[in-house]
Protein backbone atom coordinates (compact mmCIF):
# COMPACT_ATOMS: atom_id res chain seq x y z
CA MET A 1 -0.07 0.09 0.33
CA ALA A 2 1.34 3.15 -1.38
CA HIS A 3 1.51 6.37 1.37
CA ARG A 4 1.42 9.93 1.42
CA TYR A 5 3.65 10.58 4.19
CA ASP A 6 6.33 9.11 6.23
CA MET A 7 5.36 10.09 9.53
CA ALA A 8 1.68 11.29 10.48
CA VAL A 9 2.02 13.49 14.01
CA PHE A 10 -1.14 12.71 16.32
CA ILE A 11 -1.06 15.39 19.44
CA ALA A 12 -3.70 14.62 22.07
CA ARG A 13 -4.13 14.30 26.36
CA MET A 14 -6.42 11.37 26.14
CA GLN A 15 -8.09 12.11 29.02
CA PRO A 16 -9.04 9.37 28.95
CA LEU A 17 -8.38 7.57 25.40
CA HIS A 18 -12.09 7.54 22.99
CA ASN A 19 -13.31 6.38 20.07
CA GLY A 20 -12.72 9.53 18.47
CA HIS A 21 -8.84 9.08 19.10
CA MET A 22 -8.89 5.67 17.70
CA THR A 23 -10.73 6.83 14.27
CA VAL A 24 -7.77 9.49 14.02
CA ILE A 25 -5.30 7.03 14.55
CA LYS A 26 -6.79 4.34 12.28
CA THR A 27 -7.17 7.25 9.54
CA ALA A 28 -3.14 7.94 10.43
CA LEU A 29 -2.18 4.89 9.51
CA GLN A 30 -4.04 4.63 5.95
CA GLN A 31 -2.03 8.06 5.29
CA ALA A 32 1.22 7.43 6.21
CA LYS A 33 3.95 4.38 6.85
CA ASN A 34 4.44 5.47 10.79
CA VAL A 35 2.22 7.06 13.04
CA LEU A 36 3.61 9.66 15.86
CA VAL A 37 1.14 9.51 19.02
CA LEU A 38 2.18 12.51 21.43
CA ILE A 39 -0.06 12.14 24.71
CA GLY A 40 0.37 16.38 26.44
CA SER A 41 0.35 16.69 29.61
CA SER A 42 2.96 14.37 30.54
CA SER A 43 4.60 15.91 33.34
CA SER A 44 1.20 17.34 34.45
CA PRO A 45 0.11 16.33 38.61
CA ARG A 46 -3.41 14.78 38.95
CA SER A 47 -6.24 17.23 38.59
CA MET A 48 -9.89 17.27 37.01
CA ARG A 49 -8.49 18.58 33.80
CA ASN A 50 -5.65 15.41 33.60
CA PRO A 51 -6.63 12.84 36.29
CA PHE A 52 -4.33 10.15 34.33
CA THR A 53 -0.55 9.86 34.01
CA PHE A 54 1.48 9.46 31.03
CA ASP A 55 1.91 5.81 31.66
CA GLU A 56 -1.61 5.03 32.61
CA ARG A 57 -2.49 6.29 29.03
CA LYS A 58 0.12 5.15 27.04
CA GLN A 59 -0.89 1.37 28.28
CA THR A 60 -4.35 1.83 27.68
CA LEU A 61 -3.55 2.88 24.54
CA GLU A 62 -1.13 0.23 23.48
CA ASN A 63 -3.83 -2.47 24.89
CA ALA A 64 -6.71 -0.68 22.81
CA LEU A 65 -4.54 -0.72 19.67
CA LYS A 66 -3.86 -4.92 20.41
CA THR A 67 -6.96 -5.28 21.07
CA GLN A 68 -7.99 -4.03 17.61
CA GLY A 69 -5.34 -5.87 15.70
CA THR A 70 -3.36 -3.13 14.18
CA ASP A 71 0.41 -2.90 13.15
CA THR A 72 1.82 -1.77 16.80
CA LYS A 73 5.27 -1.17 15.25
CA ARG A 74 4.00 1.28 12.77
CA VAL A 75 2.68 3.56 16.07
CA HIS A 76 5.37 5.37 18.56
CA ILE A 77 3.90 6.79 21.35
CA LYS A 78 5.99 9.40 23.15
CA PRO A 79 5.54 11.87 25.77
CA ILE A 80 5.81 15.71 25.74
CA ASN A 81 5.48 18.31 28.51
CA ASP A 82 3.33 21.35 28.84
CA TYR A 83 4.54 24.94 27.98
CA THR A 84 1.57 27.06 28.70
CA TYR A 85 3.16 30.29 28.20
CA ASN A 86 5.57 29.69 25.31
CA ASP A 87 4.67 28.35 22.47
CA SER A 88 8.09 28.68 20.61
CA ARG A 89 9.74 26.11 23.43
CA TRP A 90 6.47 23.65 22.80
CA ILE A 91 6.85 23.60 18.83
CA HIS A 92 10.57 22.92 19.04
CA GLN A 93 10.17 20.04 21.75
CA ILE A 94 7.63 18.37 19.07
CA GLN A 95 9.77 19.25 16.24
CA THR A 96 12.98 17.19 17.80
CA ILE A 97 10.76 14.54 18.95
CA THR A 98 9.47 13.83 15.70
CA ASP A 99 13.32 13.85 13.75
CA ARG A 100 14.39 11.63 16.58
CA THR A 101 11.40 9.51 16.38
CA ALA A 102 12.10 9.56 12.84
CA TRP A 103 16.20 8.50 12.69
CA CYS A 104 15.56 5.82 15.06
CA ILE A 105 12.91 4.04 12.84
CA GLY A 106 15.64 4.23 10.02
CA TYR A 107 14.95 7.91 8.46
CA THR A 108 17.84 9.70 7.57
CA ASP A 109 16.55 11.71 4.40
CA THR A 110 13.83 14.69 4.34
CA LEU A 111 10.79 13.50 6.07
CA ARG A 112 6.90 14.21 4.53
CA VAL A 113 4.92 15.00 7.87
CA ALA A 114 1.53 15.58 8.15
CA LEU A 115 -0.13 16.78 11.20
CA ILE A 116 -3.44 14.91 12.21
CA GLY A 117 -6.22 15.67 14.17
CA HIS A 118 -9.47 17.58 14.55
CA SER A 119 -10.28 21.35 14.55
CA LYS A 120 -12.70 20.94 17.88
CA ASP A 121 -12.01 24.73 19.26
CA ASN A 122 -9.77 27.81 20.03
CA THR A 123 -7.87 24.52 22.31
CA SER A 124 -6.72 22.95 18.33
CA TYR A 125 -4.79 26.42 17.73
CA TYR A 126 -1.58 24.18 17.64
CA LEU A 127 -2.87 22.98 14.25
CA LYS A 128 -1.77 26.17 12.87
CA LEU A 129 1.75 26.19 14.42
CA PHE A 130 4.14 23.87 12.41
CA PRO A 131 3.30 25.47 8.46
CA GLN A 132 6.21 23.29 7.15
CA TRP A 133 4.22 20.36 7.57
CA ASP A 134 0.89 19.24 5.94
CA SER A 135 -2.19 18.81 7.85
CA ILE A 136 -4.81 16.25 7.63
CA GLU A 137 -8.11 16.98 9.35
CA VAL A 138 -10.22 14.65 10.97
CA ASP A 139 -14.22 14.92 11.64
CA ASN A 140 -15.49 14.57 15.11
CA HIS A 141 -16.12 10.78 15.78
CA ALA A 142 -19.87 10.78 16.70
CA GLY A 143 -19.19 14.05 18.95
CA ILE A 144 -17.31 12.65 21.73
CA ASN A 145 -16.17 15.24 24.60
CA SER A 146 -13.37 14.18 26.86
CA THR A 147 -14.47 16.88 29.06
CA ALA A 148 -18.01 15.21 29.66
CA HIS A 149 -16.68 12.06 30.16
CA ARG A 150 -14.72 13.02 32.57
CA VAL A 151 -17.45 15.06 34.74
CA GLN A 152 -19.12 12.20 34.27
CA PHE A 153 -16.90 9.99 35.30
CA PHE A 154 -16.24 11.64 38.80
CA SER A 155 -19.81 12.60 39.75
CA ASP A 156 -22.10 10.09 41.04
CA LYS A 157 -23.21 9.04 37.55
CA SER A 158 -19.94 6.96 37.52
CA GLU A 159 -21.42 3.67 37.33
CA GLU A 160 -24.17 4.86 34.72
CA PHE A 161 -21.35 6.23 32.45
CA LEU A 162 -19.43 2.96 32.24
CA SER A 163 -22.36 1.20 31.12
CA ASP A 164 -23.38 3.67 28.77
CA ALA A 165 -19.66 4.59 27.55
CA VAL A 166 -19.17 1.04 24.98
CA VAL A 167 -20.11 2.77 22.10
CA GLU A 168 -17.70 5.61 22.84
CA MET A 169 -14.64 4.14 24.06
CA PRO A 170 -12.45 0.80 23.13
CA GLN A 171 -12.73 -1.71 26.01
CA ALA A 172 -9.28 -1.02 27.39
CA THR A 173 -10.10 2.62 28.23
CA LEU A 174 -13.08 0.73 29.82
CA GLN A 175 -11.30 -1.88 31.98
CA PHE A 176 -8.80 1.02 32.73
CA LEU A 177 -11.82 3.24 33.97
CA GLU A 178 -12.87 0.28 36.25
CA ARG A 179 -9.79 -0.32 37.89
CA PHE A 180 -8.86 3.38 38.68
CA LYS A 181 -12.35 4.03 40.73
CA LYS A 182 -11.09 1.51 43.03
CA THR A 183 -7.80 3.74 44.14
CA ALA A 184 -7.05 6.09 46.39
CA HIS A 185 -6.40 8.05 43.58
CA TYR A 186 -9.91 8.63 42.07
CA GLU A 187 -11.43 9.52 45.53
CA THR A 188 -9.15 12.12 45.90
CA LEU A 189 -10.08 13.32 42.64
CA ARG A 190 -13.76 12.63 43.42
CA ASN A 191 -13.20 14.80 46.75
CA GLU A 192 -11.90 17.50 44.16
CA PHE A 193 -15.14 17.28 41.47
CA GLU A 194 -17.31 17.75 44.36
CA PHE A 195 -15.45 21.18 45.47
CA ILE A 196 -15.21 22.66 42.53
CA GLN A 197 -18.93 21.72 41.49
CA LYS A 198 -19.74 23.66 44.69
CA TYR A 199 -17.89 26.16 43.98
CA ARG A 200 -18.99 27.02 40.50
CA GLN A 201 -22.97 26.51 42.32
CA SER A 202 -21.49 29.55 44.64
CA TRP A 203 -22.01 32.05 41.54
CA ALA A 204 -23.97 30.05 39.04
CA ALA A 205 -26.93 32.90 39.56
CA ALA A 206 -24.52 35.89 38.25
CA PRO A 207 -25.53 37.35 34.80
CA TYR A 208 -22.46 36.62 33.46
CA ALA A 209 -19.66 33.96 34.14
CA PRO A 210 -17.39 36.09 36.42
CA THR A 211 -14.16 36.47 35.63
CA PHE A 212 -11.52 36.52 39.15
CA VAL A 213 -8.63 38.04 39.68
CA THR A 214 -5.69 37.06 41.70
CA VAL A 215 -2.46 38.10 42.62
CA ASP A 216 1.17 35.86 42.59
CA ALA A 217 4.15 36.56 44.10
CA ILE A 218 7.47 34.91 42.98
CA VAL A 219 10.35 35.84 45.69
CA VAL A 220 14.26 34.49 44.29
CA GLN A 221 17.18 34.79 46.67
CA SER A 222 20.59 33.03 46.09
CA GLY A 223 19.21 30.45 43.41
CA HIS A 224 16.01 29.76 45.67
CA VAL A 225 12.63 30.80 45.04
CA LEU A 226 9.94 30.97 47.77
CA LEU A 227 6.80 28.12 47.51
CA VAL A 228 4.05 27.16 49.68
CA ARG A 229 2.49 24.26 49.96
CA ARG A 230 -1.24 24.33 49.62
CA ARG A 231 -3.62 23.38 52.83
CA ALA A 232 -7.03 22.48 51.21
CA ALA A 233 -8.55 21.47 47.88
CA PRO A 234 -7.95 22.32 45.10
CA GLY A 235 -4.63 21.05 44.36
CA LYS A 236 -4.36 20.40 48.46
CA GLY A 237 -0.47 19.29 49.00
CA LEU A 238 1.00 20.80 45.75
CA TRP A 239 3.06 23.67 45.66
CA ALA A 240 2.93 26.84 44.50
CA MET A 241 3.30 30.47 44.30
CA PRO A 242 2.24 32.63 47.10
CA GLY A 243 -0.76 34.47 46.31
CA GLY A 244 -4.46 34.51 46.19
CA PHE A 245 -7.79 36.88 45.43
CA LEU A 246 -7.65 40.72 45.26
CA ASN A 247 -9.72 42.17 47.43
CA PRO A 248 -12.52 44.75 46.37
CA GLN A 249 -10.56 48.20 47.61
CA GLU A 250 -7.13 46.88 47.14
CA ARG A 251 -4.31 47.56 44.20
CA ILE A 252 -2.55 44.57 42.56
CA GLU A 253 0.48 45.27 43.84
CA ASP A 254 -0.40 45.49 47.06
CA ALA A 255 -2.27 42.88 47.15
CA ALA A 256 0.45 40.74 45.74
CA LEU A 257 2.95 41.81 48.94
CA ARG A 258 -0.15 41.02 51.73
CA GLU A 259 -0.37 37.88 50.37
CA LEU A 260 3.07 37.28 50.38
CA ARG A 261 3.14 38.09 53.95
CA GLU A 262 0.17 36.22 55.05
CA GLU A 263 0.93 32.58 53.72
CA THR A 264 4.71 32.82 54.21
CA GLY A 265 5.30 35.54 57.24
CA ILE A 266 8.88 36.11 55.62
CA LYS A 267 10.88 38.37 57.97
CA VAL A 268 11.77 40.84 55.12
CA PRO A 269 10.47 44.33 55.44
CA GLU A 270 7.49 45.82 53.42
CA PRO A 271 9.52 48.81 51.91
CA VAL A 272 11.99 46.15 51.14
CA LEU A 273 9.78 43.91 49.57
CA ARG A 274 8.42 46.40 47.38
CA GLY A 275 11.64 47.89 46.28
CA SER A 276 12.94 44.29 45.16
CA ILE A 277 10.15 44.26 42.50
CA VAL A 278 11.83 43.70 38.91
CA ALA A 279 9.03 42.36 37.03
CA ARG A 280 5.35 41.78 36.85
CA ASP A 281 3.19 40.39 33.99
CA VAL A 282 -0.38 38.98 34.09
CA PHE A 283 -1.18 34.97 32.92
CA ASP A 284 -4.46 34.44 31.52
CA ASP A 285 -4.78 31.08 29.49
CA PRO A 286 -8.60 30.46 30.13
CA ASN A 287 -8.07 26.76 30.83
CA ARG A 288 -5.55 27.67 33.80
CA SER A 289 -7.81 27.13 36.97
CA GLU A 290 -10.98 24.23 36.64
CA ARG A 291 -12.31 27.32 39.58
CA GLY A 292 -13.68 29.27 36.82
CA ARG A 293 -11.88 32.02 34.19
CA THR A 294 -8.77 33.05 36.46
CA ILE A 295 -6.50 36.15 35.57
CA THR A 296 -3.52 36.13 37.91
CA HIS A 297 -1.07 39.17 38.15
CA CYS A 298 2.44 37.98 38.92
CA PHE A 299 5.44 39.96 40.60
CA LEU A 300 8.69 39.02 40.94
CA LEU A 301 10.92 39.90 43.61
CA LYS A 302 14.58 39.47 43.34
CA LEU A 303 16.38 40.07 46.99
CA ARG A 304 19.81 40.66 47.30
CA ASP A 305 22.04 37.49 47.30
CA ASP A 306 23.29 36.43 50.80
CA THR A 307 24.54 33.34 52.28
CA SER A 308 21.51 33.01 54.84
CA LEU A 309 17.82 33.52 53.27
CA PRO A 310 15.11 34.94 55.21
CA ARG A 311 12.53 33.32 58.08
CA VAL A 312 9.35 32.06 56.62
CA ARG A 313 6.89 29.89 57.49
CA GLY A 314 3.34 28.46 56.08
CA MET A 315 0.41 30.36 57.19
CA ASP A 316 -3.01 31.37 56.13
CA ASP A 317 -4.04 28.98 53.49
CA ALA A 318 -0.43 27.43 53.11
CA ASP A 319 0.21 24.66 55.46
CA LYS A 320 4.20 25.28 54.73
CA ALA A 321 6.41 27.27 53.46
CA ARG A 322 9.58 26.70 51.91
CA TRP A 323 12.82 28.04 50.21
CA CYS A 324 13.37 25.75 46.91
CA GLN A 325 16.69 25.25 45.00
CA ILE A 326 15.21 26.35 41.92
CA SER A 327 17.64 23.51 39.65
CA ASP A 328 15.38 21.09 41.70
CA LEU A 329 11.58 21.99 40.47
CA LYS A 330 9.35 19.90 38.47
CA PRO A 331 6.29 20.61 37.16
CA GLN A 332 4.43 17.79 38.52
CA ASP A 333 5.50 18.72 41.70
CA PHE A 334 2.61 22.07 41.12
CA PHE A 335 -0.48 23.65 41.29
CA GLU A 336 -2.33 24.21 38.43
CA ASP A 337 0.18 26.36 35.81
CA HIS A 338 1.87 27.52 38.36
CA TYR A 339 5.46 26.16 37.12
CA HIS A 340 5.19 27.74 33.72
CA ILE A 341 4.56 30.68 35.14
CA LEU A 342 8.05 30.27 37.50
CA TYR A 343 9.24 29.28 34.84
CA ASN A 344 8.66 32.17 31.95
CA MET A 345 9.34 34.54 35.06
CA LEU A 346 12.64 33.27 36.28
CA ALA A 347 14.08 33.67 32.83
CA ARG A 348 14.06 37.43 33.10
CA ILE A 349 16.40 37.58 35.95
């Protein structure tokens, strides 16, 4: 069989894997000699948006492909990381993985590559970020929606969902979800789901969906950054920048310094903190918070390097405050998009 392309690249989070994803892969195998499946958000901590790890999703996909009799030697599954506020690095990552995968399977000449997928909404903008590759558009399979699947799976209707989802999910996915439902991870995420639902209900009667304004502070000294560990849901136990919601009668900079002191008790005079601000920016990814549309104003404070770090302790919404070595930071340890904001801001020092 003649193929138009050497490689078809399919980018998806597969949270969870459904028959729409399988349809794309089947189409890709018809069009290309090899298919590179890039599973997104591979280093994200478990959350309502990303409840399953890369290894769990990879194993589920491999099981589904084997069950359907697919030539798995032609399908290559790799993880990719999020770079929420750095499209250039995200694109470079995908190009590099594609080139390395091609080299590993024997390609040394110019590749004929196509990016394959379905333009479902504004989250599919990435399909236009690779002008050097052809594009293969695949229609949405039976209107399947992963977000709706996650809502049903973590709600009181989970049993009903698992029995009804046979037509929308491979058997491998259903088997994985049945096992996952018996884990402590499921219970934790279900509690977080209930918290978020109640949170949204508190403003459900508003004439328009509200936009929340928050502030965050990044304090850096001597190769360390000051972080707090979240005391409660959502994201209980994850690390974050000190921050919180803007009060109605408060200026944004004042709010950032207030939250910093309330959550860390940092032993630095406020005038010194204010004078240490070296950068500020706004971060507004529409999907950055499950609680609702949340735009944060972030301040970068660079304290004078010293052999000792200011004393801190967890207070208010934080059960712990700690100076962390910047080189030790890992995305899977952070709440929402805080790691990506840190990465963006620290590059400015």
